[in-house]
Amino acid sequence: MRLKNFQRKKENHTCWERFNEGCKAMIKEILINALNGVNAHVNPRNTVEDLTVEIAGKEIENFPYTIWQVIKHINFWQERFIGYIKDDITPPSLSAKEGWSFPASPLNENDLKNEISKLNLSLDEALSFSDDILGKKAQKYKSGYEVLQAMASHISYHIGEIVILRRMLGKWPPPSGGDTW
């Protein structure tokens, strides 16, 4: 009965606005932990810190993408997620293939370093959003927090792929370590 009454109320504010401050803080901490590699998450920055063009572009049998393509895919979506939160004009993604249409390998070390820098800067930007910004409606989402949740899940999934690929290539853990505990 309560649920029906709750659902019938006019939606003049986001779900985030209805949470109490303790819940808000807890949810935000969980999402930030995912982006920072805390608890069950691996730090995205660590997974790419010592990559070379050879490692990033190495194709592995029965795996559809290289580490380079996974990094490019993450950045493709990071740009969109951040655009949704900032209410920037974000080009629509017409198909899943669009987010994977990248060459197997970077052109050179500068190409690789630039893409890694782009990933790190996107993490910094995502972590810098205030509660005021995250609490507002975002493109395609109910709030910036919902976008941050999608971003955290997306990154965790694909960073896991990078870890597996690096293990298969005998290049794990990176110098800073690979475990969160």
N, C-alpha and C. Protein backbone atom coordinates (compact mmCIF):
# COMPACT_ATOMS: atom_id res chain seq x y z
N MET A 1 0.83 -1.20 0.00
CA MET A 1 0.00 0.00 0.00
C MET A 1 0.87 1.26 0.00
N ARG A 2 1.89 1.29 0.85
CA ARG A 2 2.76 2.46 0.92
C ARG A 2 3.44 2.72 -0.43
N LEU A 3 3.90 1.66 -1.07
CA LEU A 3 4.59 1.81 -2.34
C LEU A 3 3.67 2.43 -3.38
N LYS A 4 2.42 1.99 -3.43
CA LYS A 4 1.48 2.57 -4.38
C LYS A 4 1.30 4.06 -4.12
N ASN A 5 1.14 4.44 -2.85
CA ASN A 5 0.98 5.85 -2.51
C ASN A 5 2.22 6.64 -2.91
N PHE A 6 3.38 6.08 -2.68
CA PHE A 6 4.63 6.75 -3.02
C PHE A 6 4.71 6.97 -4.52
N GLN A 7 4.34 5.96 -5.29
CA GLN A 7 4.44 6.05 -6.74
C GLN A 7 3.42 7.03 -7.32
N ARG A 8 2.31 7.24 -6.64
CA ARG A 8 1.28 8.13 -7.16
C ARG A 8 1.60 9.60 -6.94
N LYS A 9 2.50 9.90 -6.03
CA LYS A 9 2.83 11.30 -5.76
C LYS A 9 3.41 11.95 -7.01
N LYS A 10 3.14 13.22 -7.14
CA LYS A 10 3.71 13.97 -8.26
C LYS A 10 5.23 13.99 -8.12
N GLU A 11 5.92 13.76 -9.21
CA GLU A 11 7.38 13.75 -9.21
C GLU A 11 7.91 15.14 -9.54
N ASN A 12 7.91 16.02 -8.55
CA ASN A 12 8.43 17.37 -8.75
C ASN A 12 9.89 17.49 -8.37
N HIS A 13 10.45 16.44 -7.86
CA HIS A 13 11.86 16.45 -7.47
C HIS A 13 12.44 15.08 -7.72
N THR A 14 13.75 15.01 -7.70
CA THR A 14 14.40 13.73 -7.98
C THR A 14 14.36 12.83 -6.75
N CYS A 15 14.56 11.56 -7.00
CA CYS A 15 14.64 10.58 -5.92
C CYS A 15 15.74 10.99 -4.94
N TRP A 16 16.82 11.52 -5.48
CA TRP A 16 17.96 11.93 -4.64
C TRP A 16 17.54 12.95 -3.59
N GLU A 17 16.65 13.85 -3.94
CA GLU A 17 16.20 14.87 -3.00
C GLU A 17 15.41 14.26 -1.83
N ARG A 18 14.84 13.08 -2.02
CA ARG A 18 14.05 12.44 -0.96
C ARG A 18 14.91 11.67 0.04
N PHE A 19 16.14 11.37 -0.33
CA PHE A 19 17.02 10.65 0.59
C PHE A 19 17.39 11.51 1.77
N ASN A 20 17.62 10.87 2.91
CA ASN A 20 18.15 11.64 4.02
C ASN A 20 19.65 11.82 3.82
N GLU A 21 20.24 12.72 4.55
CA GLU A 21 21.66 13.07 4.35
C GLU A 21 22.58 11.88 4.58
N GLY A 22 22.26 11.00 5.52
CA GLY A 22 23.10 9.83 5.77
C GLY A 22 23.15 8.89 4.58
N CYS A 23 22.00 8.66 3.96
CA CYS A 23 21.95 7.81 2.76
C CYS A 23 22.70 8.45 1.61
N LYS A 24 22.53 9.75 1.44
CA LYS A 24 23.23 10.45 0.37
C LYS A 24 24.74 10.28 0.51
N ALA A 25 25.23 10.50 1.72
CA ALA A 25 26.68 10.40 1.96
C ALA A 25 27.18 8.99 1.70
N MET A 26 26.42 8.00 2.11
CA MET A 26 26.83 6.61 1.92
C MET A 26 26.87 6.24 0.44
N ILE A 27 25.86 6.61 -0.29
CA ILE A 27 25.80 6.30 -1.73
C ILE A 27 26.94 7.00 -2.46
N LYS A 28 27.16 8.27 -2.14
CA LYS A 28 28.24 9.01 -2.79
C LYS A 28 29.59 8.35 -2.48
N GLU A 29 29.79 7.94 -1.26
CA GLU A 29 31.06 7.29 -0.88
C GLU A 29 31.27 5.99 -1.66
N ILE A 30 30.22 5.20 -1.81
CA ILE A 30 30.31 3.95 -2.58
C ILE A 30 30.72 4.23 -4.03
N LEU A 31 30.10 5.22 -4.64
CA LEU A 31 30.42 5.55 -6.03
C LEU A 31 31.83 6.10 -6.17
N ILE A 32 32.24 6.95 -5.25
CA ILE A 32 33.59 7.50 -5.28
C ILE A 32 34.62 6.40 -5.05
N ASN A 33 34.32 5.46 -4.16
CA ASN A 33 35.23 4.33 -3.93
C ASN A 33 35.43 3.52 -5.21
N ALA A 34 34.37 3.33 -5.96
CA ALA A 34 34.49 2.58 -7.22
C ALA A 34 35.42 3.30 -8.19
N LEU A 35 35.30 4.60 -8.28
CA LEU A 35 36.13 5.37 -9.21
C LEU A 35 37.58 5.50 -8.72
N ASN A 36 37.78 5.39 -7.41
CA ASN A 36 39.12 5.49 -6.84
C ASN A 36 39.79 4.14 -6.60
N GLY A 37 39.07 3.06 -6.84
CA GLY A 37 39.67 1.74 -6.63
C GLY A 37 39.76 1.34 -5.18
N VAL A 38 38.74 1.63 -4.40
CA VAL A 38 38.71 1.28 -2.98
C VAL A 38 37.80 0.07 -2.78
N ASN A 39 38.12 -0.73 -1.78
CA ASN A 39 37.39 -1.94 -1.42
C ASN A 39 37.46 -2.98 -2.55
N ALA A 40 36.36 -3.37 -3.11
CA ALA A 40 36.36 -4.45 -4.12
C ALA A 40 36.80 -3.97 -5.50
N HIS A 41 37.08 -2.70 -5.65
CA HIS A 41 37.43 -2.15 -6.96
C HIS A 41 38.94 -1.99 -7.10
N VAL A 42 39.43 -2.19 -8.31
CA VAL A 42 40.83 -1.92 -8.62
C VAL A 42 40.92 -0.48 -9.10
N ASN A 43 41.96 0.20 -8.69
CA ASN A 43 42.14 1.59 -9.10
C ASN A 43 42.37 1.65 -10.61
N PRO A 44 41.50 2.33 -11.35
CA PRO A 44 41.67 2.42 -12.80
C PRO A 44 43.03 2.97 -13.20
N ARG A 45 43.55 3.91 -12.44
CA ARG A 45 44.84 4.53 -12.76
C ARG A 45 45.98 3.51 -12.70
N ASN A 46 45.90 2.61 -11.73
CA ASN A 46 46.95 1.60 -11.57
C ASN A 46 46.98 0.63 -12.74
N THR A 47 45.82 0.33 -13.29
CA THR A 47 45.76 -0.69 -14.33
C THR A 47 46.41 -0.25 -15.63
N VAL A 48 46.58 1.05 -15.81
CA VAL A 48 47.14 1.56 -17.07
C VAL A 48 48.48 2.28 -16.89
N GLU A 49 49.02 2.27 -15.67
CA GLU A 49 50.16 3.13 -15.37
C GLU A 49 51.44 2.81 -16.14
N ASP A 50 51.71 1.58 -16.44
CA ASP A 50 52.99 1.24 -17.08
C ASP A 50 52.80 0.56 -18.43
N LEU A 51 51.69 0.83 -19.08
CA LEU A 51 51.43 0.20 -20.37
C LEU A 51 52.40 0.70 -21.44
N THR A 52 52.71 -0.19 -22.35
CA THR A 52 53.48 0.17 -23.53
C THR A 52 52.58 -0.01 -24.75
N VAL A 53 53.01 0.52 -25.87
CA VAL A 53 52.25 0.35 -27.10
C VAL A 53 52.09 -1.13 -27.41
N GLU A 54 53.15 -1.89 -27.20
CA GLU A 54 53.12 -3.33 -27.49
C GLU A 54 52.09 -4.05 -26.64
N ILE A 55 52.08 -3.78 -25.35
CA ILE A 55 51.12 -4.44 -24.45
C ILE A 55 49.70 -3.97 -24.75
N ALA A 56 49.52 -2.66 -24.90
CA ALA A 56 48.18 -2.11 -25.12
C ALA A 56 47.56 -2.61 -26.42
N GLY A 57 48.37 -2.86 -27.43
CA GLY A 57 47.84 -3.26 -28.73
C GLY A 57 47.90 -4.74 -29.02
N LYS A 58 48.32 -5.53 -28.04
CA LYS A 58 48.46 -6.97 -28.24
C LYS A 58 47.08 -7.64 -28.32
N GLU A 59 46.87 -8.36 -29.41
CA GLU A 59 45.62 -9.09 -29.58
C GLU A 59 45.74 -10.47 -28.95
N ILE A 60 44.70 -10.87 -28.25
CA ILE A 60 44.68 -12.16 -27.56
C ILE A 60 43.58 -13.01 -28.18
N GLU A 61 43.91 -14.22 -28.48
CA GLU A 61 42.96 -15.15 -29.11
C GLU A 61 41.70 -15.27 -28.27
N ASN A 62 40.56 -15.21 -28.94
CA ASN A 62 39.23 -15.36 -28.35
C ASN A 62 38.80 -14.19 -27.46
N PHE A 63 39.55 -13.09 -27.47
CA PHE A 63 39.11 -11.89 -26.76
C PHE A 63 38.87 -10.83 -27.82
N PRO A 64 37.69 -10.22 -27.85
CA PRO A 64 37.34 -9.35 -28.98
C PRO A 64 38.09 -8.02 -29.06
N TYR A 65 38.73 -7.59 -27.97
CA TYR A 65 39.35 -6.27 -27.96
C TYR A 65 40.73 -6.32 -27.33
N THR A 66 41.53 -5.33 -27.68
CA THR A 66 42.84 -5.15 -27.04
C THR A 66 42.67 -4.21 -25.84
N ILE A 67 43.69 -4.12 -25.03
CA ILE A 67 43.65 -3.17 -23.90
C ILE A 67 43.44 -1.76 -24.44
N TRP A 68 44.11 -1.43 -25.53
CA TRP A 68 43.94 -0.11 -26.14
C TRP A 68 42.48 0.17 -26.48
N GLN A 69 41.81 -0.78 -27.09
CA GLN A 69 40.42 -0.59 -27.47
C GLN A 69 39.52 -0.47 -26.24
N VAL A 70 39.85 -1.18 -25.17
CA VAL A 70 39.06 -1.05 -23.93
C VAL A 70 39.25 0.34 -23.34
N ILE A 71 40.49 0.85 -23.33
CA ILE A 71 40.73 2.20 -22.82
C ILE A 71 39.98 3.23 -23.66
N LYS A 72 40.05 3.10 -24.97
CA LYS A 72 39.35 4.02 -25.85
C LYS A 72 37.83 3.95 -25.61
N HIS A 73 37.31 2.74 -25.41
CA HIS A 73 35.89 2.56 -25.14
C HIS A 73 35.50 3.24 -23.82
N ILE A 74 36.29 3.03 -22.78
CA ILE A 74 36.01 3.68 -21.50
C ILE A 74 35.97 5.19 -21.70
N ASN A 75 36.96 5.75 -22.38
CA ASN A 75 37.01 7.19 -22.59
C ASN A 75 35.85 7.70 -23.44
N PHE A 76 35.45 6.92 -24.41
CA PHE A 76 34.29 7.27 -25.24
C PHE A 76 33.08 7.51 -24.33
N TRP A 77 32.86 6.59 -23.39
CA TRP A 77 31.70 6.71 -22.51
C TRP A 77 31.93 7.69 -21.37
N GLN A 78 33.15 7.84 -20.89
CA GLN A 78 33.43 8.83 -19.85
C GLN A 78 33.04 10.22 -20.35
N GLU A 79 33.41 10.51 -21.59
CA GLU A 79 33.09 11.81 -22.17
C GLU A 79 31.57 12.02 -22.18
N ARG A 80 30.83 11.00 -22.52
CA ARG A 80 29.38 11.12 -22.55
C ARG A 80 28.79 11.24 -21.15
N PHE A 81 29.23 10.38 -20.23
CA PHE A 81 28.72 10.46 -18.85
C PHE A 81 28.94 11.85 -18.27
N ILE A 82 30.14 12.38 -18.43
CA ILE A 82 30.44 13.71 -17.88
C ILE A 82 29.60 14.77 -18.59
N GLY A 83 29.42 14.62 -19.88
CA GLY A 83 28.55 15.54 -20.62
C GLY A 83 27.11 15.51 -20.12
N TYR A 84 26.62 14.33 -19.78
CA TYR A 84 25.26 14.22 -19.25
C TYR A 84 25.13 15.01 -17.94
N ILE A 85 26.13 14.86 -17.06
CA ILE A 85 26.08 15.55 -15.77
C ILE A 85 26.17 17.06 -15.97
N LYS A 86 27.05 17.50 -16.85
CA LYS A 86 27.25 18.94 -17.09
C LYS A 86 26.19 19.53 -18.00
N ASP A 87 25.31 18.70 -18.53
CA ASP A 87 24.28 19.11 -19.46
C ASP A 87 24.87 19.72 -20.73
N ASP A 88 26.01 19.18 -21.14
CA ASP A 88 26.63 19.55 -22.41
C ASP A 88 25.87 18.87 -23.54
N ILE A 89 26.00 19.41 -24.71
CA ILE A 89 25.42 18.75 -25.87
C ILE A 89 26.27 17.53 -26.15
N THR A 90 25.66 16.37 -26.05
CA THR A 90 26.37 15.11 -26.20
C THR A 90 25.87 14.40 -27.45
N PRO A 91 26.80 14.09 -28.37
CA PRO A 91 26.35 13.39 -29.59
C PRO A 91 25.70 12.06 -29.24
N PRO A 92 24.59 11.75 -29.87
CA PRO A 92 23.94 10.47 -29.57
C PRO A 92 24.79 9.29 -30.04
N SER A 93 24.71 8.20 -29.32
CA SER A 93 25.37 6.96 -29.73
C SER A 93 24.33 6.14 -30.46
N LEU A 94 24.59 5.91 -31.72
CA LEU A 94 23.60 5.26 -32.56
C LEU A 94 23.64 3.74 -32.44
N SER A 95 24.79 3.20 -32.02
CA SER A 95 24.90 1.75 -31.84
C SER A 95 26.05 1.44 -30.89
N ALA A 96 26.02 0.25 -30.32
CA ALA A 96 27.10 -0.17 -29.42
C ALA A 96 28.43 -0.22 -30.17
N LYS A 97 28.37 -0.57 -31.44
CA LYS A 97 29.59 -0.68 -32.25
C LYS A 97 30.36 0.63 -32.28
N GLU A 98 29.65 1.74 -32.24
CA GLU A 98 30.28 3.06 -32.29
C GLU A 98 31.29 3.24 -31.15
N GLY A 99 30.99 2.70 -29.99
CA GLY A 99 31.87 2.81 -28.83
C GLY A 99 33.04 1.84 -28.84
N TRP A 100 33.13 1.05 -29.89
CA TRP A 100 34.22 0.07 -30.01
C TRP A 100 34.98 0.21 -31.33
N SER A 101 34.70 1.23 -32.10
CA SER A 101 35.28 1.39 -33.44
C SER A 101 36.65 2.07 -33.38
N PHE A 102 37.61 1.35 -32.82
CA PHE A 102 38.95 1.91 -32.66
C PHE A 102 39.98 0.93 -33.19
N PRO A 103 41.11 1.44 -33.67
CA PRO A 103 42.17 0.53 -34.11
C PRO A 103 42.66 -0.32 -32.95
N ALA A 104 43.27 -1.46 -33.25
CA ALA A 104 43.73 -2.39 -32.22
C ALA A 104 44.85 -1.83 -31.35
N SER A 105 45.63 -0.91 -31.90
CA SER A 105 46.82 -0.45 -31.19
C SER A 105 46.98 1.07 -31.31
N PRO A 106 47.57 1.68 -30.29
CA PRO A 106 47.88 3.11 -30.42
C PRO A 106 48.95 3.31 -31.50
N LEU A 107 49.00 4.50 -32.06
CA LEU A 107 49.99 4.79 -33.10
C LEU A 107 51.41 4.79 -32.54
N ASN A 108 51.55 5.33 -31.32
CA ASN A 108 52.87 5.47 -30.70
C ASN A 108 52.70 5.72 -29.20
N GLU A 109 53.81 5.90 -28.50
CA GLU A 109 53.75 6.12 -27.05
C GLU A 109 52.98 7.39 -26.70
N ASN A 110 53.12 8.45 -27.49
CA ASN A 110 52.38 9.69 -27.22
C ASN A 110 50.88 9.47 -27.33
N ASP A 111 50.46 8.72 -28.31
CA ASP A 111 49.05 8.39 -28.48
C ASP A 111 48.52 7.67 -27.24
N LEU A 112 49.30 6.70 -26.77
CA LEU A 112 48.92 5.94 -25.58
C LEU A 112 48.89 6.84 -24.34
N LYS A 113 49.92 7.64 -24.15
CA LYS A 113 49.98 8.53 -22.98
C LYS A 113 48.83 9.53 -22.98
N ASN A 114 48.49 10.03 -24.15
CA ASN A 114 47.37 10.98 -24.24
C ASN A 114 46.04 10.34 -23.85
N GLU A 115 45.84 9.11 -24.26
CA GLU A 115 44.58 8.43 -23.94
C GLU A 115 44.51 8.07 -22.45
N ILE A 116 45.65 7.67 -21.89
CA ILE A 116 45.69 7.40 -20.44
C ILE A 116 45.46 8.69 -19.66
N SER A 117 46.05 9.78 -20.11
CA SER A 117 45.83 11.07 -19.47
C SER A 117 44.36 11.47 -19.54
N LYS A 118 43.74 11.22 -20.67
CA LYS A 118 42.31 11.52 -20.84
C LYS A 118 41.47 10.73 -19.84
N LEU A 119 41.81 9.46 -19.64
CA LEU A 119 41.10 8.63 -18.66
C LEU A 119 41.27 9.22 -17.26
N ASN A 120 42.51 9.53 -16.89
CA ASN A 120 42.77 10.06 -15.55
C ASN A 120 42.08 11.40 -15.32
N LEU A 121 42.09 12.26 -16.32
CA LEU A 121 41.41 13.55 -16.19
C LEU A 121 39.89 13.38 -16.07
N SER A 122 39.35 12.40 -16.77
CA SER A 122 37.90 12.16 -16.66
C SER A 122 37.54 11.67 -15.26
N LEU A 123 38.41 10.87 -14.66
CA LEU A 123 38.17 10.43 -13.27
C LEU A 123 38.22 11.62 -12.32
N ASP A 124 39.24 12.48 -12.51
CA ASP A 124 39.35 13.68 -11.68
C ASP A 124 38.09 14.53 -11.78
N GLU A 125 37.62 14.72 -13.00
CA GLU A 125 36.44 15.56 -13.20
C GLU A 125 35.20 14.92 -12.56
N ALA A 126 35.03 13.64 -12.74
CA ALA A 126 33.87 12.95 -12.16
C ALA A 126 33.90 13.06 -10.64
N LEU A 127 35.07 12.97 -10.05
CA LEU A 127 35.19 13.04 -8.60
C LEU A 127 35.05 14.47 -8.06
N SER A 128 35.12 15.46 -8.94
CA SER A 128 35.07 16.85 -8.49
C SER A 128 33.66 17.43 -8.44
N PHE A 129 32.66 16.71 -8.98
CA PHE A 129 31.31 17.25 -9.01
C PHE A 129 30.74 17.40 -7.60
N SER A 130 30.11 18.52 -7.35
CA SER A 130 29.51 18.79 -6.04
C SER A 130 28.18 18.06 -5.90
N ASP A 131 27.72 17.96 -4.66
CA ASP A 131 26.39 17.37 -4.41
C ASP A 131 25.30 18.16 -5.13
N ASP A 132 25.46 19.48 -5.20
CA ASP A 132 24.45 20.30 -5.89
C ASP A 132 24.34 19.90 -7.35
N ILE A 133 25.47 19.72 -8.01
CA ILE A 133 25.46 19.34 -9.42
C ILE A 133 24.94 17.92 -9.58
N LEU A 134 25.42 17.01 -8.76
CA LEU A 134 25.02 15.60 -8.87
C LEU A 134 23.56 15.37 -8.50
N GLY A 135 23.01 16.22 -7.68
CA GLY A 135 21.62 16.07 -7.26
C GLY A 135 20.61 16.53 -8.29
N LYS A 136 21.08 17.22 -9.32
CA LYS A 136 20.17 17.73 -10.35
C LYS A 136 19.92 16.68 -11.43
N LYS A 137 18.83 16.89 -12.15
CA LYS A 137 18.51 16.04 -13.30
C LYS A 137 19.65 16.12 -14.30
N ALA A 138 19.99 14.97 -14.88
CA ALA A 138 21.04 14.91 -15.89
C ALA A 138 20.44 14.33 -17.17
N GLN A 139 21.07 14.64 -18.28
CA GLN A 139 20.57 14.10 -19.56
C GLN A 139 20.42 12.59 -19.46
N LYS A 140 19.29 12.08 -19.90
CA LYS A 140 18.99 10.66 -19.96
C LYS A 140 18.93 9.97 -18.60
N TYR A 141 19.13 10.70 -17.51
CA TYR A 141 19.15 10.11 -16.17
C TYR A 141 18.34 11.00 -15.22
N LYS A 142 17.95 10.42 -14.10
CA LYS A 142 17.18 11.18 -13.12
C LYS A 142 18.05 12.18 -12.36
N SER A 143 19.33 11.86 -12.18
CA SER A 143 20.24 12.77 -11.48
C SER A 143 21.67 12.46 -11.88
N GLY A 144 22.56 13.36 -11.51
CA GLY A 144 23.98 13.14 -11.74
C GLY A 144 24.49 11.93 -10.97
N TYR A 145 23.87 11.65 -9.83
CA TYR A 145 24.28 10.48 -9.05
C TYR A 145 23.98 9.19 -9.82
N GLU A 146 22.88 9.18 -10.53
CA GLU A 146 22.56 8.01 -11.34
C GLU A 146 23.59 7.86 -12.47
N VAL A 147 24.03 8.97 -13.04
CA VAL A 147 25.08 8.92 -14.06
C VAL A 147 26.38 8.41 -13.44
N LEU A 148 26.71 8.93 -12.26
CA LEU A 148 27.93 8.50 -11.56
C LEU A 148 27.88 7.00 -11.27
N GLN A 149 26.71 6.48 -10.93
CA GLN A 149 26.56 5.04 -10.69
C GLN A 149 26.82 4.27 -11.97
N ALA A 150 26.25 4.74 -13.08
CA ALA A 150 26.48 4.06 -14.37
C ALA A 150 27.95 4.11 -14.74
N MET A 151 28.58 5.24 -14.51
CA MET A 151 30.00 5.41 -14.80
C MET A 151 30.84 4.45 -13.96
N ALA A 152 30.55 4.38 -12.67
CA ALA A 152 31.31 3.51 -11.77
C ALA A 152 31.17 2.04 -12.17
N SER A 153 29.96 1.63 -12.50
CA SER A 153 29.75 0.24 -12.92
C SER A 153 30.46 -0.04 -14.23
N HIS A 154 30.37 0.88 -15.16
CA HIS A 154 31.00 0.72 -16.47
C HIS A 154 32.51 0.61 -16.34
N ILE A 155 33.10 1.51 -15.57
CA ILE A 155 34.55 1.48 -15.39
C ILE A 155 34.99 0.21 -14.68
N SER A 156 34.29 -0.18 -13.62
CA SER A 156 34.68 -1.40 -12.89
C SER A 156 34.67 -2.61 -13.81
N TYR A 157 33.66 -2.71 -14.63
CA TYR A 157 33.56 -3.84 -15.55
C TYR A 157 34.75 -3.87 -16.51
N HIS A 158 35.01 -2.74 -17.16
CA HIS A 158 36.06 -2.72 -18.18
C HIS A 158 37.46 -2.70 -17.59
N ILE A 159 37.63 -2.14 -16.42
CA ILE A 159 38.95 -2.23 -15.76
C ILE A 159 39.23 -3.70 -15.43
N GLY A 160 38.19 -4.44 -15.05
CA GLY A 160 38.35 -5.89 -14.83
C GLY A 160 38.84 -6.59 -16.09
N GLU A 161 38.34 -6.15 -17.25
CA GLU A 161 38.82 -6.73 -18.51
C GLU A 161 40.30 -6.43 -18.71
N ILE A 162 40.70 -5.20 -18.41
CA ILE A 162 42.12 -4.84 -18.56
C ILE A 162 42.99 -5.69 -17.65
N VAL A 163 42.54 -5.91 -16.43
CA VAL A 163 43.29 -6.76 -15.50
C VAL A 163 43.43 -8.17 -16.07
N ILE A 164 42.35 -8.73 -16.56
CA ILE A 164 42.40 -10.09 -17.12
C ILE A 164 43.36 -10.13 -18.32
N LEU A 165 43.26 -9.16 -19.20
CA LEU A 165 44.15 -9.12 -20.36
C LEU A 165 45.61 -9.00 -19.93
N ARG A 166 45.87 -8.16 -18.96
CA ARG A 166 47.26 -8.01 -18.48
C ARG A 166 47.75 -9.31 -17.83
N ARG A 167 46.88 -9.98 -17.11
CA ARG A 167 47.28 -11.28 -16.53
C ARG A 167 47.60 -12.28 -17.63
N MET A 168 46.77 -12.31 -18.66
CA MET A 168 47.01 -13.23 -19.77
C MET A 168 48.32 -12.92 -20.50
N LEU A 169 48.71 -11.66 -20.48
CA LEU A 169 49.96 -11.23 -21.12
C LEU A 169 51.16 -11.31 -20.16
N GLY A 170 50.92 -11.73 -18.92
CA GLY A 170 52.00 -11.80 -17.93
C GLY A 170 52.48 -10.43 -17.48
N LYS A 171 51.60 -9.43 -17.55
CA LYS A 171 51.97 -8.04 -17.21
C LYS A 171 51.14 -7.49 -16.05
N TRP A 172 50.80 -8.36 -15.12
CA TRP A 172 50.05 -7.95 -13.93
C TRP A 172 50.73 -8.53 -12.72
N PRO A 173 50.86 -7.81 -11.65
CA PRO A 173 50.34 -6.48 -11.35
C PRO A 173 51.26 -5.37 -11.86
N PRO A 174 50.72 -4.15 -11.91
CA PRO A 174 51.56 -3.00 -12.27
C PRO A 174 52.48 -2.66 -11.09
N PRO A 175 53.44 -1.75 -11.30
CA PRO A 175 54.37 -1.40 -10.22
C PRO A 175 53.72 -0.95 -8.91
N SER A 176 52.59 -0.26 -8.99
CA SER A 176 51.94 0.24 -7.75
C SER A 176 51.11 -0.84 -7.07
N GLY A 177 51.01 -2.02 -7.67
CA GLY A 177 50.24 -3.10 -7.08
C GLY A 177 48.88 -3.23 -7.72
N GLY A 178 48.29 -4.40 -7.53
CA GLY A 178 47.03 -4.66 -8.19
C GLY A 178 45.88 -4.96 -7.27
N ASP A 179 46.15 -5.19 -6.00
CA ASP A 179 45.09 -5.52 -5.07
C ASP A 179 44.68 -4.30 -4.26
N THR A 180 43.46 -4.32 -3.79
CA THR A 180 42.97 -3.19 -2.99
C THR A 180 43.11 -3.47 -1.49
N TRP A 181 43.61 -4.62 -1.13
CA TRP A 181 43.80 -4.91 0.30
C TRP A 181 45.17 -5.48 0.54
